[in-house]
Amino acid sequence: MKVALTGSTGFIGSHVLTELVDHGHEVLALVRDEEQAVSVAAKGAKATIVDLYDRPVVVGVLTDCDGAVHTASPGDATSADLDSAMVDAAIDAFDGTGKPHIQIGGVWVYGDNLSISESSSFKAPALVSFREPIERRLLGTNGMRGVVPVSSTAYGDGGGGVPGVLLGSPRDDAGNLIMLGSGQQHWSTVHVADIADFFRRALENDEARGYYVLGNGVKSTLSELTQAAAVAVGAPGAVTGTEEEARQRLGDYFAEVLLLDQGTEAGRALTDLGWVPSHPTLVEEFRHGSYRT
């Protein structure tokens, strides 16, 4: 397949690029400048420099492809506008063709829930409340194949913004990392290479459509994760914090999602696509793997 890919130099997108190229797909990376074009070319992709808000140009690029993957995210107040622009362009390009557009989502939209599945109700915190209307617009277009992987916190290969928050935790006078809140909340996580594997499977399977919850099924507490992060950075251990400290440090919106108590059940991905996470857990990666200093 010839696949248009946004976010190809980002954490998740770069792994999707490698996964697709390794399996014989042609990747056309939509990048913002020449530096990024050179970077993705070195990984086996072709590049086109484009403004993702330039709808006619993006539609033209997508029309010449067999499918598209959107992983780019500014990670700020403009994220909603970018996601909306990409969905509109994909609908213009693919409606009536049956071609796939995969738009990454995240499990934070489900709020506190230890058994998140595709049938779970949305209880989105403010930070991610923009996602559902945009995703529903994509999935409600019957003439194309819309897919929304609802990803848990991504980690692996020493990267990922959220694992970085734990590794960069402030320390008490004894050098211990300070947890986000009490540390009793659970996080749902998934290795970035397993995410990339799902994207490829969803592109290749003509029956794949709709929401797919992605998580490795491990419900580690923030206490367990921060204790493991302490090993990675050479700290003596980790101590409990407070929600107030977390909000002061990260801001109300970001702290709210990191204080959620979540776990996932990736039933559809397994049943429909044979997707089985195969990489070490985040605790293992912190203690023995790619995050060790």
C-alpha atoms as a PDB file:
ATOM      1  CA  MET A   1       0.000   0.000   0.000  1.00  0.00           C
ATOM      2  CA  LYS A   2       0.981   3.619  -0.474  1.00  0.00           C
ATOM      3  CA  VAL A   3       0.284   5.242   2.898  1.00  0.00           C
ATOM      4  CA  ALA A   4       0.277   8.944   3.771  1.00  0.00           C
ATOM      5  CA  LEU A   5       1.659   9.481   7.274  1.00  0.00           C
ATOM      6  CA  THR A   6       1.671  12.538   9.516  1.00  0.00           C
ATOM      7  CA  GLY A   7       3.860  12.806  12.603  1.00  0.00           C
ATOM      8  CA  SER A   8       6.538  10.627  10.997  1.00  0.00           C
ATOM      9  CA  THR A   9       9.337  12.188  13.071  1.00  0.00           C
ATOM     10  CA  GLY A  10       7.412  11.935  16.345  1.00  0.00           C
ATOM     11  CA  PHE A  11       7.552   9.185  18.952  1.00  0.00           C
ATOM     12  CA  ILE A  12       4.652   7.068  17.703  1.00  0.00           C
ATOM     13  CA  GLY A  13       4.750   8.136  14.056  1.00  0.00           C
ATOM     14  CA  SER A  14       8.426   7.245  13.628  1.00  0.00           C
ATOM     15  CA  HIS A  15       7.709   3.716  14.829  1.00  0.00           C
ATOM     16  CA  VAL A  16       4.718   3.444  12.488  1.00  0.00           C
ATOM     17  CA  LEU A  17       6.973   4.544   9.614  1.00  0.00           C
ATOM     18  CA  THR A  18       9.525   1.837  10.405  1.00  0.00           C
ATOM     19  CA  GLU A  19       6.837  -0.838  10.816  1.00  0.00           C
ATOM     20  CA  LEU A  20       5.249  -0.043   7.462  1.00  0.00           C
ATOM     21  CA  VAL A  21       8.520   0.181   5.544  1.00  0.00           C
ATOM     22  CA  ASP A  22       9.746  -3.077   7.097  1.00  0.00           C
ATOM     23  CA  HIS A  23       6.596  -4.802   5.824  1.00  0.00           C
ATOM     24  CA  GLY A  24       6.942  -3.568   2.269  1.00  0.00           C
ATOM     25  CA  HIS A  25       4.582  -0.589   2.276  1.00  0.00           C
ATOM     26  CA  GLU A  26       5.392   2.710   0.572  1.00  0.00           C
ATOM     27  CA  VAL A  27       5.238   5.577   3.054  1.00  0.00           C
ATOM     28  CA  LEU A  28       4.653   9.148   1.956  1.00  0.00           C
ATOM     29  CA  ALA A  29       5.501  11.311   4.969  1.00  0.00           C
ATOM     30  CA  LEU A  30       3.766  14.681   5.227  1.00  0.00           C
ATOM     31  CA  VAL A  31       6.419  16.892   6.833  1.00  0.00           C
ATOM     32  CA  ARG A  32       6.767  20.588   7.585  1.00  0.00           C
ATOM     33  CA  ASP A  33      10.330  21.310   6.429  1.00  0.00           C
ATOM     34  CA  GLU A  34      13.399  20.056   4.604  1.00  0.00           C
ATOM     35  CA  GLU A  35      15.094  18.857   7.787  1.00  0.00           C
ATOM     36  CA  GLN A  36      12.222  16.493   8.509  1.00  0.00           C
ATOM     37  CA  ALA A  37      12.179  15.392   4.861  1.00  0.00           C
ATOM     38  CA  VAL A  38      15.823  14.341   5.092  1.00  0.00           C
ATOM     39  CA  SER A  39      15.161  12.534   8.376  1.00  0.00           C
ATOM     40  CA  VAL A  40      12.295  10.379   7.063  1.00  0.00           C
ATOM     41  CA  ALA A  41      14.078   9.686   3.775  1.00  0.00           C
ATOM     42  CA  ALA A  42      16.888   8.106   5.783  1.00  0.00           C
ATOM     43  CA  LYS A  43      14.312   5.689   7.212  1.00  0.00           C
ATOM     44  CA  GLY A  44      12.980   4.628   3.828  1.00  0.00           C
ATOM     45  CA  ALA A  45      10.049   6.990   3.325  1.00  0.00           C
ATOM     46  CA  LYS A  46       9.325   9.507   0.623  1.00  0.00           C
ATOM     47  CA  ALA A  47       8.529  13.003   1.864  1.00  0.00           C
ATOM     48  CA  THR A  48       6.351  15.884   0.811  1.00  0.00           C
ATOM     49  CA  ILE A  49       6.547  19.257   2.544  1.00  0.00           C
ATOM     50  CA  VAL A  50       3.020  20.455   3.235  1.00  0.00           C
ATOM     51  CA  ASP A  51       0.996  22.648   5.578  1.00  0.00           C
ATOM     52  CA  LEU A  52      -1.513  20.261   7.150  1.00  0.00           C
ATOM     53  CA  TYR A  53      -4.036  23.101   7.369  1.00  0.00           C
ATOM     54  CA  ASP A  54      -3.906  23.607   3.578  1.00  0.00           C
ATOM     55  CA  ARG A  55      -6.914  21.429   2.871  1.00  0.00           C
ATOM     56  CA  PRO A  56      -6.842  21.366  -0.952  1.00  0.00           C
ATOM     57  CA  VAL A  57      -3.179  20.396  -0.982  1.00  0.00           C
ATOM     58  CA  VAL A  58      -3.599  17.717   1.687  1.00  0.00           C
ATOM     59  CA  VAL A  59      -6.656  16.305  -0.104  1.00  0.00           C
ATOM     60  CA  GLY A  60      -4.617  16.104  -3.294  1.00  0.00           C
ATOM     61  CA  VAL A  61      -1.836  14.218  -1.508  1.00  0.00           C
ATOM     62  CA  LEU A  62      -4.252  11.789   0.140  1.00  0.00           C
ATOM     63  CA  THR A  63      -6.182  11.127  -3.063  1.00  0.00           C
ATOM     64  CA  ASP A  64      -3.035   9.657  -4.594  1.00  0.00           C
ATOM     65  CA  CYS A  65      -2.602   7.223  -1.658  1.00  0.00           C
ATOM     66  CA  ASP A  66      -4.235   3.943  -0.651  1.00  0.00           C
ATOM     67  CA  GLY A  67      -4.732   5.061   2.943  1.00  0.00           C
ATOM     68  CA  ALA A  68      -3.620   7.525   5.584  1.00  0.00           C
ATOM     69  CA  VAL A  69      -2.377   7.544   9.167  1.00  0.00           C
ATOM     70  CA  HIS A  70      -2.531  10.639  11.379  1.00  0.00           C
ATOM     71  CA  THR A  71      -0.264  10.640  14.433  1.00  0.00           C
ATOM     72  CA  ALA A  72       0.931  14.262  14.408  1.00  0.00           C
ATOM     73  CA  SER A  73       0.000  16.313  17.465  1.00  0.00           C
ATOM     74  CA  PRO A  74       1.209  19.742  18.606  1.00  0.00           C
ATOM     75  CA  GLY A  75       0.356  18.754  22.183  1.00  0.00           C
ATOM     76  CA  ASP A  76      -1.167  22.154  22.888  1.00  0.00           C
ATOM     77  CA  ALA A  77      -4.360  24.157  22.358  1.00  0.00           C
ATOM     78  CA  THR A  78      -4.076  23.741  18.577  1.00  0.00           C
ATOM     79  CA  SER A  79      -4.335  19.929  18.708  1.00  0.00           C
ATOM     80  CA  ALA A  80      -8.094  20.000  18.154  1.00  0.00           C
ATOM     81  CA  ASP A  81      -7.749  22.191  15.070  1.00  0.00           C
ATOM     82  CA  LEU A  82      -5.111  19.923  13.543  1.00  0.00           C
ATOM     83  CA  ASP A  83      -7.085  16.729  14.188  1.00  0.00           C
ATOM     84  CA  SER A  84     -10.197  18.322  12.741  1.00  0.00           C
ATOM     85  CA  ALA A  85      -8.324  19.531   9.653  1.00  0.00           C
ATOM     86  CA  MET A  86      -6.946  16.050   8.984  1.00  0.00           C
ATOM     87  CA  VAL A  87     -10.328  14.368   9.387  1.00  0.00           C
ATOM     88  CA  ASP A  88     -11.950  16.843   7.001  1.00  0.00           C
ATOM     89  CA  ALA A  89      -9.201  16.301   4.429  1.00  0.00           C
ATOM     90  CA  ALA A  90      -9.436  12.526   4.757  1.00  0.00           C
ATOM     91  CA  ILE A  91     -13.204  12.575   4.310  1.00  0.00           C
ATOM     92  CA  ASP A  92     -12.878  14.756   1.208  1.00  0.00           C
ATOM     93  CA  ALA A  93     -10.224  12.450  -0.247  1.00  0.00           C
ATOM     94  CA  PHE A  94     -11.559   9.028   0.741  1.00  0.00           C
ATOM     95  CA  ASP A  95     -15.359   9.232   1.017  1.00  0.00           C
ATOM     96  CA  GLY A  96     -16.822   6.820  -1.511  1.00  0.00           C
ATOM     97  CA  THR A  97     -13.533   4.959  -2.021  1.00  0.00           C
ATOM     98  CA  GLY A  98     -13.519   2.625   0.991  1.00  0.00           C
ATOM     99  CA  LYS A  99      -9.935   3.644   1.738  1.00  0.00           C
ATOM    100  CA  PRO A 100      -8.748   3.707   5.372  1.00  0.00           C
ATOM    101  CA  HIS A 101      -7.863   6.679   7.523  1.00  0.00           C
ATOM    102  CA  ILE A 102      -6.417   5.872  10.940  1.00  0.00           C
ATOM    103  CA  GLN A 103      -6.524   8.698  13.473  1.00  0.00           C
ATOM    104  CA  ILE A 104      -4.841   8.067  16.811  1.00  0.00           C
ATOM    105  CA  GLY A 105      -6.807   8.659  20.011  1.00  0.00           C
ATOM    106  CA  GLY A 106      -6.144   8.063  23.706  1.00  0.00           C
ATOM    107  CA  VAL A 107      -7.763   6.292  26.661  1.00  0.00           C
ATOM    108  CA  TRP A 108      -7.888   9.414  28.808  1.00  0.00           C
ATOM    109  CA  VAL A 109     -11.250  10.161  27.141  1.00  0.00           C
ATOM    110  CA  TYR A 110     -12.816   7.394  29.271  1.00  0.00           C
ATOM    111  CA  GLY A 111     -12.004   9.002  32.616  1.00  0.00           C
ATOM    112  CA  ASP A 112     -11.686   6.827  35.738  1.00  0.00           C
ATOM    113  CA  ASN A 113     -12.344   3.226  34.649  1.00  0.00           C
ATOM    114  CA  LEU A 114     -10.358   0.076  35.430  1.00  0.00           C
ATOM    115  CA  SER A 115     -11.974  -2.037  32.689  1.00  0.00           C
ATOM    116  CA  ILE A 116     -12.015   0.207  29.611  1.00  0.00           C
ATOM    117  CA  SER A 117     -13.303  -1.409  26.419  1.00  0.00           C
ATOM    118  CA  GLU A 118     -14.793  -0.150  23.171  1.00  0.00           C
ATOM    119  CA  SER A 119     -18.245  -0.161  24.770  1.00  0.00           C
ATOM    120  CA  SER A 120     -17.218   2.069  27.685  1.00  0.00           C
ATOM    121  CA  SER A 121     -18.821   5.488  28.096  1.00  0.00           C
ATOM    122  CA  PHE A 122     -16.804   8.622  27.443  1.00  0.00           C
ATOM    123  CA  LYS A 123     -16.055  10.774  30.498  1.00  0.00           C
ATOM    124  CA  ALA A 124     -13.403  12.987  28.962  1.00  0.00           C
ATOM    125  CA  PRO A 125     -11.412  15.403  31.134  1.00  0.00           C
ATOM    126  CA  ALA A 126     -11.015  18.929  29.781  1.00  0.00           C
ATOM    127  CA  LEU A 127      -7.610  18.261  28.186  1.00  0.00           C
ATOM    128  CA  VAL A 128      -9.022  15.690  25.746  1.00  0.00           C
ATOM    129  CA  SER A 129     -12.688  16.678  25.508  1.00  0.00           C
ATOM    130  CA  PHE A 130     -12.194  17.789  21.884  1.00  0.00           C
ATOM    131  CA  ARG A 131     -11.478  14.267  20.636  1.00  0.00           C
ATOM    132  CA  GLU A 132     -14.858  12.529  20.580  1.00  0.00           C
ATOM    133  CA  PRO A 133     -16.761  14.892  18.210  1.00  0.00           C
ATOM    134  CA  ILE A 134     -13.904  14.782  15.689  1.00  0.00           C
ATOM    135  CA  GLU A 135     -13.567  11.017  15.881  1.00  0.00           C
ATOM    136  CA  ARG A 136     -17.318  10.524  15.547  1.00  0.00           C
ATOM    137  CA  ARG A 137     -17.263  12.616  12.373  1.00  0.00           C
ATOM    138  CA  LEU A 138     -14.657  10.299  10.909  1.00  0.00           C
ATOM    139  CA  LEU A 139     -16.366   7.100  12.003  1.00  0.00           C
ATOM    140  CA  GLY A 140     -19.766   8.357  10.822  1.00  0.00           C
ATOM    141  CA  THR A 141     -18.588   8.626   7.205  1.00  0.00           C
ATOM    142  CA  ASN A 142     -19.723   5.331   5.680  1.00  0.00           C
ATOM    143  CA  GLY A 143     -17.951   5.682   2.341  1.00  0.00           C
ATOM    144  CA  MET A 144     -14.496   5.193   3.852  1.00  0.00           C
ATOM    145  CA  ARG A 145     -12.869   3.048   6.501  1.00  0.00           C
ATOM    146  CA  GLY A 146     -12.334   5.128   9.642  1.00  0.00           C
ATOM    147  CA  VAL A 147     -10.237   3.600  12.431  1.00  0.00           C
ATOM    148  CA  VAL A 148      -9.464   5.174  15.821  1.00  0.00           C
ATOM    149  CA  PRO A 149      -6.870   3.316  17.918  1.00  0.00           C
ATOM    150  CA  VAL A 150      -7.551   4.493  21.465  1.00  0.00           C
ATOM    151  CA  SER A 151      -4.034   4.171  22.791  1.00  0.00           C
ATOM    152  CA  SER A 152      -2.925   3.802  26.371  1.00  0.00           C
ATOM    153  CA  THR A 153       0.163   5.706  27.533  1.00  0.00           C
ATOM    154  CA  ALA A 154       2.916   4.948  25.029  1.00  0.00           C
ATOM    155  CA  TYR A 155       6.429   4.020  26.118  1.00  0.00           C
ATOM    156  CA  GLY A 156       9.510   2.215  24.839  1.00  0.00           C
ATOM    157  CA  ASP A 157      12.948   2.732  23.302  1.00  0.00           C
ATOM    158  CA  GLY A 158      13.742   5.270  26.019  1.00  0.00           C
ATOM    159  CA  GLY A 159      11.135   7.736  24.748  1.00  0.00           C
ATOM    160  CA  GLY A 160       7.637   9.082  25.284  1.00  0.00           C
ATOM    161  CA  GLY A 161       6.553  12.302  26.927  1.00  0.00           C
ATOM    162  CA  VAL A 162       4.561  10.760  29.767  1.00  0.00           C
ATOM    163  CA  PRO A 163       7.268   8.306  30.897  1.00  0.00           C
ATOM    164  CA  GLY A 164       9.548  11.351  30.803  1.00  0.00           C
ATOM    165  CA  VAL A 165       7.329  13.048  33.391  1.00  0.00           C
ATOM    166  CA  LEU A 166       8.026  10.217  35.830  1.00  0.00           C
ATOM    167  CA  LEU A 167      11.750  10.149  35.082  1.00  0.00           C
ATOM    168  CA  GLY A 168      11.912  13.917  35.629  1.00  0.00           C
ATOM    169  CA  SER A 169       9.920  13.906  38.867  1.00  0.00           C
ATOM    170  CA  PRO A 170      11.047  16.368  41.529  1.00  0.00           C
ATOM    171  CA  ARG A 171      12.928  14.913  44.502  1.00  0.00           C
ATOM    172  CA  ASP A 172      12.664  15.237  48.244  1.00  0.00           C
ATOM    173  CA  ASP A 173      15.620  16.111  50.482  1.00  0.00           C
ATOM    174  CA  ALA A 174      16.772  12.478  50.432  1.00  0.00           C
ATOM    175  CA  GLY A 175      16.754  12.334  46.636  1.00  0.00           C
ATOM    176  CA  ASN A 176      13.596  10.230  46.301  1.00  0.00           C
ATOM    177  CA  LEU A 177      11.278  10.863  43.362  1.00  0.00           C
ATOM    178  CA  ILE A 178       7.963  12.464  44.368  1.00  0.00           C
ATOM    179  CA  MET A 179       4.945  10.624  42.969  1.00  0.00           C
ATOM    180  CA  LEU A 180       1.992  12.181  41.207  1.00  0.00           C
ATOM    181  CA  GLY A 181      -0.560  12.201  44.007  1.00  0.00           C
ATOM    182  CA  SER A 182      -0.853   9.191  46.289  1.00  0.00           C
ATOM    183  CA  GLY A 183       0.521   6.790  43.675  1.00  0.00           C
ATOM    184  CA  GLN A 184      -2.442   4.445  44.135  1.00  0.00           C
ATOM    185  CA  GLN A 185      -4.008   5.269  40.761  1.00  0.00           C
ATOM    186  CA  HIS A 186      -3.400   2.797  37.941  1.00  0.00           C
ATOM    187  CA  TRP A 187      -2.109   3.573  34.475  1.00  0.00           C
ATOM    188  CA  SER A 188      -2.823   1.641  31.311  1.00  0.00           C
ATOM    189  CA  THR A 189       0.268   1.476  29.108  1.00  0.00           C
ATOM    190  CA  VAL A 190       1.380   0.020  25.762  1.00  0.00           C
ATOM    191  CA  HIS A 191       4.772  -0.291  24.077  1.00  0.00           C
ATOM    192  CA  VAL A 192       5.185   1.995  21.066  1.00  0.00           C
ATOM    193  CA  ALA A 193       6.279  -0.904  18.846  1.00  0.00           C
ATOM    194  CA  ASP A 194       3.040  -2.736  19.686  1.00  0.00           C
ATOM    195  CA  ILE A 195       1.095   0.390  18.715  1.00  0.00           C
ATOM    196  CA  ALA A 196       2.908   0.466  15.365  1.00  0.00           C
ATOM    197  CA  ASP A 197       2.086  -3.200  14.844  1.00  0.00           C
ATOM    198  CA  PHE A 198      -1.608  -2.424  15.349  1.00  0.00           C
ATOM    199  CA  PHE A 199      -1.547   0.400  12.808  1.00  0.00           C
ATOM    200  CA  ARG A 200      -0.103  -1.892  10.160  1.00  0.00           C
ATOM    201  CA  ARG A 201      -2.652  -4.616  10.878  1.00  0.00           C
ATOM    202  CA  ALA A 202      -5.523  -2.128  10.690  1.00  0.00           C
ATOM    203  CA  LEU A 203      -4.309  -0.782   7.355  1.00  0.00           C
ATOM    204  CA  GLU A 204      -3.947  -4.249   5.864  1.00  0.00           C
ATOM    205  CA  ASN A 205      -7.288  -5.632   7.066  1.00  0.00           C
ATOM    206  CA  ASP A 206     -10.229  -4.375   4.982  1.00  0.00           C
ATOM    207  CA  GLU A 207     -12.651  -5.227   7.809  1.00  0.00           C
ATOM    208  CA  ALA A 208     -10.952  -3.041  10.420  1.00  0.00           C
ATOM    209  CA  ARG A 209     -13.027   0.010  11.337  1.00  0.00           C
ATOM    210  CA  GLY A 210     -14.227   1.898  14.397  1.00  0.00           C
ATOM    211  CA  TYR A 211     -12.711   2.206  17.856  1.00  0.00           C
ATOM    212  CA  TYR A 212      -9.982  -0.150  19.106  1.00  0.00           C
ATOM    213  CA  VAL A 213      -8.712   0.145  22.677  1.00  0.00           C
ATOM    214  CA  LEU A 214      -4.960  -0.528  22.880  1.00  0.00           C
ATOM    215  CA  GLY A 215      -3.293  -1.539  26.123  1.00  0.00           C
ATOM    216  CA  ASN A 216      -1.055  -4.356  27.323  1.00  0.00           C
ATOM    217  CA  GLY A 217      -3.504  -5.362  30.062  1.00  0.00           C
ATOM    218  CA  VAL A 218      -1.062  -4.565  32.885  1.00  0.00           C
ATOM    219  CA  LYS A 219      -2.570  -2.290  35.544  1.00  0.00           C
ATOM    220  CA  SER A 220       0.514  -0.912  37.277  1.00  0.00           C
ATOM    221  CA  THR A 221       0.029   1.686  39.993  1.00  0.00           C
ATOM    222  CA  LEU A 222       1.824   5.011  39.840  1.00  0.00           C
ATOM    223  CA  SER A 223       3.675   3.902  42.944  1.00  0.00           C
ATOM    224  CA  GLU A 224       5.064   0.854  41.125  1.00  0.00           C
ATOM    225  CA  LEU A 225       5.922   2.916  38.057  1.00  0.00           C
ATOM    226  CA  THR A 226       7.633   5.708  39.987  1.00  0.00           C
ATOM    227  CA  GLN A 227       9.615   3.237  42.084  1.00  0.00           C
ATOM    228  CA  ALA A 228      10.793   1.656  38.824  1.00  0.00           C
ATOM    229  CA  ALA A 229      11.561   5.094  37.352  1.00  0.00           C
ATOM    230  CA  ALA A 230      13.714   5.758  40.413  1.00  0.00           C
ATOM    231  CA  VAL A 231      15.819   2.720  39.492  1.00  0.00           C
ATOM    232  CA  ALA A 232      16.193   4.045  35.937  1.00  0.00           C
ATOM    233  CA  VAL A 233      17.545   7.427  37.069  1.00  0.00           C
ATOM    234  CA  GLY A 234      19.547   6.188  40.027  1.00  0.00           C
ATOM    235  CA  ALA A 235      17.329   7.658  42.737  1.00  0.00           C
ATOM    236  CA  PRO A 236      17.118   5.811  46.097  1.00  0.00           C
ATOM    237  CA  GLY A 237      13.360   5.375  45.810  1.00  0.00           C
ATOM    238  CA  ALA A 238      10.039   7.193  45.521  1.00  0.00           C
ATOM    239  CA  VAL A 239       7.677   8.811  48.022  1.00  0.00           C
ATOM    240  CA  THR A 240       4.029   9.761  47.850  1.00  0.00           C
ATOM    241  CA  GLY A 241       3.023  13.227  46.750  1.00  0.00           C
ATOM    242  CA  THR A 242      -0.238  15.148  46.760  1.00  0.00           C
ATOM    243  CA  GLU A 243      -2.723  16.081  44.078  1.00  0.00           C
ATOM    244  CA  GLU A 244      -2.104  19.733  44.912  1.00  0.00           C
ATOM    245  CA  GLU A 245       1.618  19.348  44.227  1.00  0.00           C
ATOM    246  CA  ALA A 246       0.892  17.567  40.943  1.00  0.00           C
ATOM    247  CA  ARG A 247      -1.456  20.337  39.806  1.00  0.00           C
ATOM    248  CA  GLN A 248       1.006  23.057  40.755  1.00  0.00           C
ATOM    249  CA  ARG A 249       3.786  21.267  38.910  1.00  0.00           C
ATOM    250  CA  LEU A 250       1.941  20.277  35.713  1.00  0.00           C
ATOM    251  CA  GLY A 251      -1.123  22.511  35.573  1.00  0.00           C
ATOM    252  CA  ASP A 252      -4.702  21.466  36.278  1.00  0.00           C
ATOM    253  CA  TYR A 253      -5.493  19.971  32.870  1.00  0.00           C
ATOM    254  CA  PHE A 254      -2.404  17.764  32.505  1.00  0.00           C
ATOM    255  CA  ALA A 255      -2.384  16.711  36.158  1.00  0.00           C
ATOM    256  CA  GLU A 256      -6.046  15.702  35.891  1.00  0.00           C
ATOM    257  CA  VAL A 257      -5.363  13.066  33.226  1.00  0.00           C
ATOM    258  CA  LEU A 258      -2.265  11.712  34.969  1.00  0.00           C
ATOM    259  CA  LEU A 259      -4.248  11.264  38.180  1.00  0.00           C
ATOM    260  CA  LEU A 260      -6.880   9.107  36.446  1.00  0.00           C
ATOM    261  CA  ASP A 261      -7.339   5.505  37.649  1.00  0.00           C
ATOM    262  CA  GLN A 262      -7.439   3.370  34.483  1.00  0.00           C
ATOM    263  CA  GLY A 263      -7.093  -0.138  33.080  1.00  0.00           C
ATOM    264  CA  THR A 264      -7.933  -1.541  29.641  1.00  0.00           C
ATOM    265  CA  GLU A 265      -9.231  -4.647  27.882  1.00  0.00           C
ATOM    266  CA  ALA A 266      -8.049  -4.762  24.255  1.00  0.00           C
ATOM    267  CA  GLY A 267     -10.698  -7.235  23.111  1.00  0.00           C
ATOM    268  CA  ARG A 268     -11.458  -6.034  19.583  1.00  0.00           C
ATOM    269  CA  ALA A 269      -7.824  -5.672  18.570  1.00  0.00           C
ATOM    270  CA  LEU A 270      -7.173  -9.288  19.541  1.00  0.00           C
ATOM    271  CA  THR A 271     -10.378 -10.725  18.092  1.00  0.00           C
ATOM    272  CA  ASP A 272     -10.498  -8.732  14.850  1.00  0.00           C
ATOM    273  CA  LEU A 273      -6.805  -8.340  14.048  1.00  0.00           C
ATOM    274  CA  GLY A 274      -4.919 -10.911  16.099  1.00  0.00           C
ATOM    275  CA  TRP A 275      -3.068  -8.091  17.871  1.00  0.00           C
ATOM    276  CA  VAL A 276      -1.164  -9.306  20.944  1.00  0.00           C
ATOM    277  CA  PRO A 277       1.256  -6.968  22.790  1.00  0.00           C
ATOM    278  CA  SER A 278       4.633  -8.701  22.964  1.00  0.00           C
ATOM    279  CA  HIS A 279       7.069  -6.186  24.446  1.00  0.00           C
ATOM    280  CA  PRO A 280       8.268  -5.695  28.045  1.00  0.00           C
ATOM    281  CA  THR A 281       6.112  -3.673  30.435  1.00  0.00           C
ATOM    282  CA  LEU A 282       6.955  -0.111  31.395  1.00  0.00           C
ATOM    283  CA  VAL A 283       8.076  -1.288  34.846  1.00  0.00           C
ATOM    284  CA  GLU A 284      10.459  -3.743  33.176  1.00  0.00           C
ATOM    285  CA  GLU A 285      11.706  -1.086  30.767  1.00  0.00           C
ATOM    286  CA  PHE A 286      12.378   1.326  33.637  1.00  0.00           C
ATOM    287  CA  ARG A 287      14.147  -1.273  35.766  1.00  0.00           C
ATOM    288  CA  HIS A 288      16.087  -3.221  33.145  1.00  0.00           C
ATOM    289  CA  GLY A 289      15.619  -1.702  29.711  1.00  0.00           C
ATOM    290  CA  SER A 290      15.855   1.342  27.512  1.00  0.00           C
ATOM    291  CA  TYR A 291      15.334   4.016  30.204  1.00  0.00           C
ATOM    292  CA  ARG A 292      18.291   3.049  32.376  1.00  0.00           C
ATOM    293  CA  THR A 293      20.850   5.843  32.676  1.00  0.00           C
END
